[in-house]
N, C-alpha and C. Protein backbone atom coordinates (compact mmCIF):
# COMPACT_ATOMS: atom_id res chain seq x y z
N LYS A 1 -28.97 8.75 172.88
CA LYS A 1 -28.46 8.87 174.29
C LYS A 1 -28.12 7.53 174.98
N ALA A 2 -26.90 7.25 175.38
CA ALA A 2 -26.68 5.80 176.36
C ALA A 2 -25.57 5.78 177.36
N THR A 3 -25.64 5.17 178.55
CA THR A 3 -24.84 5.16 178.91
C THR A 3 -24.08 3.83 179.22
N ILE A 4 -22.50 4.17 179.55
CA ILE A 4 -21.80 3.11 179.48
C ILE A 4 -20.75 2.91 180.82
N LEU A 5 -21.18 1.69 181.79
CA LEU A 5 -20.18 1.60 182.55
C LEU A 5 -19.04 0.87 182.43
N HIS A 6 -17.72 1.74 181.95
CA HIS A 6 -16.54 1.51 181.48
C HIS A 6 -15.59 0.96 181.58
N ASN A 7 -14.37 0.19 181.20
CA ASN A 7 -13.18 -0.07 182.27
C ASN A 7 -11.75 0.15 180.40
N PRO A 8 -11.49 1.40 180.58
CA PRO A 8 -10.89 1.51 179.64
C PRO A 8 -9.89 0.52 179.46
N ARG A 9 -9.45 -0.39 180.04
CA ARG A 9 -8.24 -1.27 179.64
C ARG A 9 -8.88 -2.91 179.34
N CYS A 10 -10.25 -2.34 178.95
CA CYS A 10 -11.09 -3.88 178.24
C CYS A 10 -11.32 -3.75 177.06
N SER A 11 -10.81 -4.62 176.23
CA SER A 11 -11.22 -4.56 174.92
C SER A 11 -12.75 -4.33 174.56
N LYS A 12 -13.28 -5.42 175.20
CA LYS A 12 -15.08 -5.58 174.95
C LYS A 12 -15.73 -4.31 175.57
N SER A 13 -15.11 -3.78 176.38
CA SER A 13 -15.42 -2.15 176.98
C SER A 13 -15.30 -1.25 175.63
N ARG A 14 -14.05 -1.43 175.39
CA ARG A 14 -13.95 -0.51 174.26
C ARG A 14 -14.49 -0.79 172.99
N GLU A 15 -14.53 -1.83 172.70
CA GLU A 15 -15.12 -2.31 171.38
C GLU A 15 -16.95 -1.82 171.47
N ALA A 16 -17.66 -1.92 172.88
CA ALA A 16 -18.48 -1.94 172.76
C ALA A 16 -19.17 0.17 172.77
N LEU A 17 -18.01 0.67 173.16
CA LEU A 17 -18.14 2.39 173.37
C LEU A 17 -18.24 2.81 171.93
N ALA A 18 -17.19 1.66 171.05
CA ALA A 18 -16.80 1.91 169.77
C ALA A 18 -18.34 2.12 169.08
N LEU A 19 -19.26 0.99 168.93
CA LEU A 19 -20.08 0.58 168.25
C LEU A 19 -20.88 1.83 168.88
N LEU A 20 -21.21 2.38 170.04
CA LEU A 20 -22.41 3.24 170.46
C LEU A 20 -21.70 4.47 169.79
N THR A 21 -20.69 5.06 169.76
CA THR A 21 -19.93 6.10 168.79
C THR A 21 -20.00 6.13 167.82
N GLU A 22 -19.98 4.92 167.09
CA GLU A 22 -20.29 4.88 165.17
C GLU A 22 -21.83 5.08 164.75
N ALA A 23 -22.96 4.37 165.91
CA ALA A 23 -24.19 4.82 165.56
C ALA A 23 -24.56 5.41 166.26
N GLY A 24 -23.52 6.65 167.20
CA GLY A 24 -24.20 8.14 166.78
C GLY A 24 -24.69 8.52 167.74
N ALA A 25 -24.73 7.61 169.17
CA ALA A 25 -25.15 7.56 170.36
C ALA A 25 -24.60 8.97 170.94
N GLU A 26 -25.22 9.61 172.01
CA GLU A 26 -24.83 11.20 172.33
C GLU A 26 -24.45 9.70 173.91
N VAL A 27 -22.92 9.32 174.20
CA VAL A 27 -22.50 8.69 175.64
C VAL A 27 -21.75 9.00 176.36
N THR A 28 -22.34 8.93 177.86
CA THR A 28 -22.05 9.11 179.13
C THR A 28 -21.07 7.82 179.51
N ILE A 29 -20.14 8.53 179.77
CA ILE A 29 -18.87 7.19 180.08
C ILE A 29 -19.22 7.14 181.54
N VAL A 30 -19.45 6.23 182.43
CA VAL A 30 -18.96 6.10 183.74
C VAL A 30 -17.71 5.16 183.66
N GLU A 31 -16.45 5.29 184.48
CA GLU A 31 -14.89 4.72 184.34
C GLU A 31 -15.68 4.23 185.78
N TYR A 32 -16.26 3.08 185.87
CA TYR A 32 -16.67 2.49 187.23
C TYR A 32 -15.84 2.26 188.35
N LEU A 33 -14.55 1.43 188.04
CA LEU A 33 -13.76 1.23 188.83
C LEU A 33 -13.36 2.78 189.40
N LYS A 34 -13.30 3.75 189.52
CA LYS A 34 -13.12 5.14 189.84
C LYS A 34 -14.37 5.24 190.56
N THR A 35 -15.59 5.20 189.82
CA THR A 35 -17.03 5.87 190.24
C THR A 35 -17.69 5.02 190.55
N PRO A 36 -17.73 3.83 191.54
CA PRO A 36 -18.50 2.70 191.54
C PRO A 36 -19.84 3.03 191.62
N PRO A 37 -20.56 2.31 190.78
CA PRO A 37 -22.42 2.49 191.31
C PRO A 37 -22.54 1.69 192.55
N THR A 38 -23.73 2.24 192.83
CA THR A 38 -24.35 2.07 194.45
C THR A 38 -25.23 0.41 194.20
N ALA A 39 -24.81 -0.24 195.00
CA ALA A 39 -25.78 -1.55 195.31
C ALA A 39 -27.20 -1.17 194.34
N ASP A 40 -27.81 0.17 194.64
CA ASP A 40 -29.40 0.27 194.26
C ASP A 40 -29.27 0.74 192.70
N GLU A 41 -28.37 1.27 192.47
CA GLU A 41 -28.25 1.88 191.23
C GLU A 41 -27.80 0.09 190.33
N LEU A 42 -27.03 -0.78 190.93
CA LEU A 42 -26.84 -1.98 190.27
C LEU A 42 -28.42 -2.52 189.79
N ARG A 43 -29.10 -2.72 191.66
CA ARG A 43 -30.43 -3.51 191.13
C ARG A 43 -31.38 -2.69 190.04
N ARG A 44 -31.12 -1.15 190.13
CA ARG A 44 -32.13 -0.76 188.79
C ARG A 44 -31.37 -1.11 187.71
N LEU A 45 -30.32 -1.14 187.30
CA LEU A 45 -29.80 -1.80 186.01
C LEU A 45 -30.10 -3.08 185.38
N TYR A 46 -29.74 -3.86 186.60
CA TYR A 46 -29.87 -5.36 186.53
C TYR A 46 -31.84 -5.72 186.26
N ALA A 47 -32.79 -5.19 186.91
CA ALA A 47 -34.03 -5.88 187.03
C ALA A 47 -34.17 -4.87 185.28
N LYS A 48 -33.40 -3.87 184.95
CA LYS A 48 -34.45 -3.38 183.76
C LYS A 48 -33.52 -4.12 182.50
N ALA A 49 -32.21 -5.00 183.09
CA ALA A 49 -32.18 -5.85 181.96
C ALA A 49 -32.73 -7.06 182.03
N GLY A 50 -33.22 -7.16 182.78
CA GLY A 50 -34.28 -8.62 183.10
C GLY A 50 -33.06 -9.31 183.92
N LEU A 51 -32.25 -8.97 184.37
CA LEU A 51 -30.96 -10.17 184.65
C LEU A 51 -30.76 -9.87 186.82
N SER A 52 -30.45 -11.33 186.92
CA SER A 52 -30.24 -11.02 188.67
C SER A 52 -28.49 -10.82 188.23
N PRO A 53 -28.52 -10.31 189.95
CA PRO A 53 -27.35 -9.85 189.89
C PRO A 53 -26.13 -10.67 190.01
N ARG A 54 -26.43 -11.82 190.03
CA ARG A 54 -25.56 -12.90 189.58
C ARG A 54 -25.38 -13.33 188.24
N ASP A 55 -26.29 -12.74 187.30
CA ASP A 55 -26.11 -12.28 186.35
C ASP A 55 -24.59 -11.65 185.75
N GLY A 56 -25.01 -10.58 186.91
CA GLY A 56 -23.78 -9.35 186.32
C GLY A 56 -22.30 -9.75 187.11
N LEU A 57 -22.31 -10.35 187.71
CA LEU A 57 -20.97 -11.15 188.65
C LEU A 57 -19.99 -11.19 187.78
N ARG A 58 -18.82 -11.12 187.73
CA ARG A 58 -17.34 -11.40 186.85
C ARG A 58 -17.05 -12.58 187.20
N LYS A 59 -17.69 -13.50 186.84
CA LYS A 59 -17.56 -14.85 187.93
C LYS A 59 -15.98 -15.54 188.01
N GLY A 60 -14.97 -14.86 186.85
CA GLY A 60 -13.69 -15.40 186.78
C GLY A 60 -12.59 -14.39 187.79
N GLU A 61 -13.08 -13.46 189.04
CA GLU A 61 -12.81 -12.36 189.79
C GLU A 61 -12.10 -13.52 191.03
N ALA A 62 -11.30 -13.55 191.81
CA ALA A 62 -10.97 -14.13 192.97
C ALA A 62 -12.10 -14.27 193.81
N GLN A 63 -12.18 -12.94 194.16
CA GLN A 63 -13.12 -12.63 195.37
C GLN A 63 -14.65 -12.76 194.76
N ALA A 64 -15.12 -13.46 193.81
CA ALA A 64 -16.13 -13.79 193.10
C ALA A 64 -16.60 -15.31 193.90
N LYS A 65 -15.48 -15.87 194.42
CA LYS A 65 -15.67 -17.55 194.28
C LYS A 65 -16.70 -17.32 196.05
N ALA A 66 -16.28 -16.57 196.46
CA ALA A 66 -16.52 -16.42 197.90
C ALA A 66 -18.29 -15.86 198.18
N LEU A 67 -18.69 -15.63 196.94
CA LEU A 67 -19.89 -15.63 196.59
C LEU A 67 -20.70 -16.53 196.04
N VAL A 68 -20.22 -17.38 196.16
CA VAL A 68 -21.53 -19.08 195.29
C VAL A 68 -22.73 -19.15 195.88
N ASP A 69 -22.67 -19.18 197.31
CA ASP A 69 -24.08 -19.02 197.99
C ASP A 69 -24.80 -17.67 198.19
N ALA A 70 -23.78 -16.86 197.71
CA ALA A 70 -24.89 -15.25 198.01
C ALA A 70 -26.03 -14.91 197.61
N ASP A 71 -27.03 -14.17 198.68
CA ASP A 71 -28.12 -13.59 198.22
C ASP A 71 -27.76 -12.33 196.84
N ASP A 72 -28.49 -12.20 196.97
CA ASP A 72 -28.61 -10.69 195.33
C ASP A 72 -28.03 -9.86 196.30
N ALA A 73 -28.67 -9.14 197.58
CA ALA A 73 -28.28 -8.36 198.15
C ALA A 73 -26.88 -8.42 198.49
N THR A 74 -26.47 -9.16 199.05
CA THR A 74 -24.73 -9.89 199.31
C THR A 74 -23.78 -9.38 197.99
N ILE A 75 -24.21 -9.86 196.86
CA ILE A 75 -23.56 -9.66 195.72
C ILE A 75 -23.57 -8.54 195.33
N LEU A 76 -24.90 -7.45 195.43
CA LEU A 76 -25.07 -6.09 195.01
C LEU A 76 -23.86 -5.41 195.74
N ALA A 77 -23.79 -5.46 197.14
CA ALA A 77 -22.93 -5.15 198.31
C ALA A 77 -21.71 -5.21 197.85
N ALA A 78 -21.67 -6.55 197.22
CA ALA A 78 -19.83 -7.03 196.97
C ALA A 78 -19.18 -5.99 195.62
N MET A 79 -20.78 -6.03 195.25
CA MET A 79 -20.07 -5.44 193.59
C MET A 79 -19.76 -3.68 193.78
N ALA A 80 -20.79 -3.31 194.68
CA ALA A 80 -20.55 -1.82 194.83
C ALA A 80 -19.54 -1.39 195.98
N ALA A 81 -18.76 -2.43 196.45
CA ALA A 81 -17.57 -2.52 197.26
C ALA A 81 -16.35 -2.48 196.28
N ASP A 82 -16.31 -3.08 195.64
CA ASP A 82 -15.38 -4.05 194.66
C ASP A 82 -15.86 -3.87 193.30
N PRO A 83 -15.89 -2.92 192.80
CA PRO A 83 -16.46 -2.73 191.71
C PRO A 83 -15.63 -3.79 190.38
N ILE A 84 -15.14 -4.51 190.46
CA ILE A 84 -13.95 -5.02 189.61
C ILE A 84 -14.91 -6.23 189.83
N LEU A 85 -15.46 -7.05 190.13
CA LEU A 85 -16.58 -7.80 190.51
C LEU A 85 -17.58 -7.78 189.43
N ILE A 86 -17.51 -6.18 188.99
CA ILE A 86 -18.98 -5.61 187.93
C ILE A 86 -18.95 -6.14 186.56
N GLU A 87 -19.88 -7.37 185.74
CA GLU A 87 -18.99 -8.06 184.59
C GLU A 87 -19.47 -6.46 183.95
N ARG A 88 -18.30 -6.15 182.94
CA ARG A 88 -18.38 -5.15 181.69
C ARG A 88 -18.59 -5.40 180.24
N PRO A 89 -18.77 -4.43 179.66
CA PRO A 89 -19.69 -3.49 179.94
C PRO A 89 -20.58 -3.29 180.31
N LEU A 90 -21.24 -2.40 181.25
CA LEU A 90 -22.88 -2.30 181.72
C LEU A 90 -23.48 -1.63 180.80
N VAL A 91 -24.33 -1.38 179.88
CA VAL A 91 -24.88 -0.19 178.81
C VAL A 91 -25.74 0.10 179.02
N GLU A 92 -26.56 1.11 178.83
CA GLU A 92 -28.33 1.17 179.28
C GLU A 92 -28.41 2.75 178.18
N THR A 93 -29.21 2.32 177.58
CA THR A 93 -30.00 3.27 176.74
C THR A 93 -31.54 3.31 177.03
N ALA A 94 -32.32 4.34 176.24
CA ALA A 94 -33.99 4.08 176.47
C ALA A 94 -34.45 2.86 176.74
N LYS A 95 -33.88 2.23 175.81
CA LYS A 95 -34.67 0.86 175.58
C LYS A 95 -34.61 -0.31 176.01
N GLY A 96 -33.36 -0.25 176.94
CA GLY A 96 -32.96 -1.32 177.77
C GLY A 96 -31.73 -1.04 178.32
N VAL A 97 -30.65 -1.94 179.00
CA VAL A 97 -29.75 -2.35 179.38
C VAL A 97 -29.46 -3.86 178.87
N VAL A 98 -27.89 -3.76 178.46
CA VAL A 98 -27.12 -5.28 178.17
C VAL A 98 -25.79 -4.98 178.83
N ILE A 99 -25.59 -6.46 178.87
CA ILE A 99 -24.14 -6.36 179.46
C ILE A 99 -23.20 -6.58 177.84
N GLY A 100 -22.76 -6.06 177.32
CA GLY A 100 -21.65 -5.72 176.28
C GLY A 100 -21.11 -7.10 175.99
N ARG A 101 -21.52 -7.85 176.17
CA ARG A 101 -20.32 -9.41 175.60
C ARG A 101 -21.45 -10.53 175.23
N PRO A 102 -21.24 -10.38 174.01
CA PRO A 102 -20.13 -9.49 173.09
C PRO A 102 -20.46 -8.11 173.16
N PRO A 103 -19.77 -7.46 172.32
CA PRO A 103 -20.18 -6.41 171.94
C PRO A 103 -21.32 -6.04 171.78
N GLU A 104 -21.34 -6.70 170.49
CA GLU A 104 -22.61 -6.67 169.75
C GLU A 104 -23.55 -6.63 169.93
N ALA A 105 -24.00 -6.82 171.73
CA ALA A 105 -25.34 -6.91 172.01
C ALA A 105 -25.93 -5.61 172.51
N VAL A 106 -25.15 -4.42 172.59
CA VAL A 106 -25.40 -3.56 172.44
C VAL A 106 -26.25 -2.50 171.35
N ARG A 107 -26.12 -3.57 170.20
CA ARG A 107 -26.77 -3.00 169.00
C ARG A 107 -28.28 -3.27 168.90
N GLY A 108 -28.90 -4.05 170.18
CA GLY A 108 -29.98 -4.45 170.28
C GLY A 108 -30.78 -2.98 171.11
N ILE A 109 -30.30 -2.39 171.82
CA ILE A 109 -30.69 -1.16 172.39
C ILE A 109 -30.46 0.16 172.17
N LEU A 110 -30.16 -0.03 170.72
CA LEU A 110 -29.48 1.38 169.92
C LEU A 110 -31.22 1.68 169.33
C-alpha cells in the first residue's frame, strides 16, 4: 500500500506513480492541489521522512521567497493554505515517506 500526494501535470509525479503501479503497490492517489493536506498531516509526513518542512518546500515558487526566514509552523501553515508550495510527489508506505525527486527514490520505501 502506498499514498502519493500527486499532481497529474507534473512529470516527476507521474513517473513516481508509474513506479509504484509497476511495483504492484495498491496506491491511494491524493491530488493535493484539490485536496490539500493539513499542516498537522504535513508535519507528520515530514517527521516520518526525517525531513524538515523547509526540505519539503518548493523553493522555486514565488510564494516561497517570503518564507526564507520563516519557522517550521509558518512554513507548514503556508503549505496547507497554498499547496503549490509542497514539493511533489510525496509518497508514504509502511516503510517510510520520501519526496519522489528523483522518482526512483520511491523504490527505497517499497
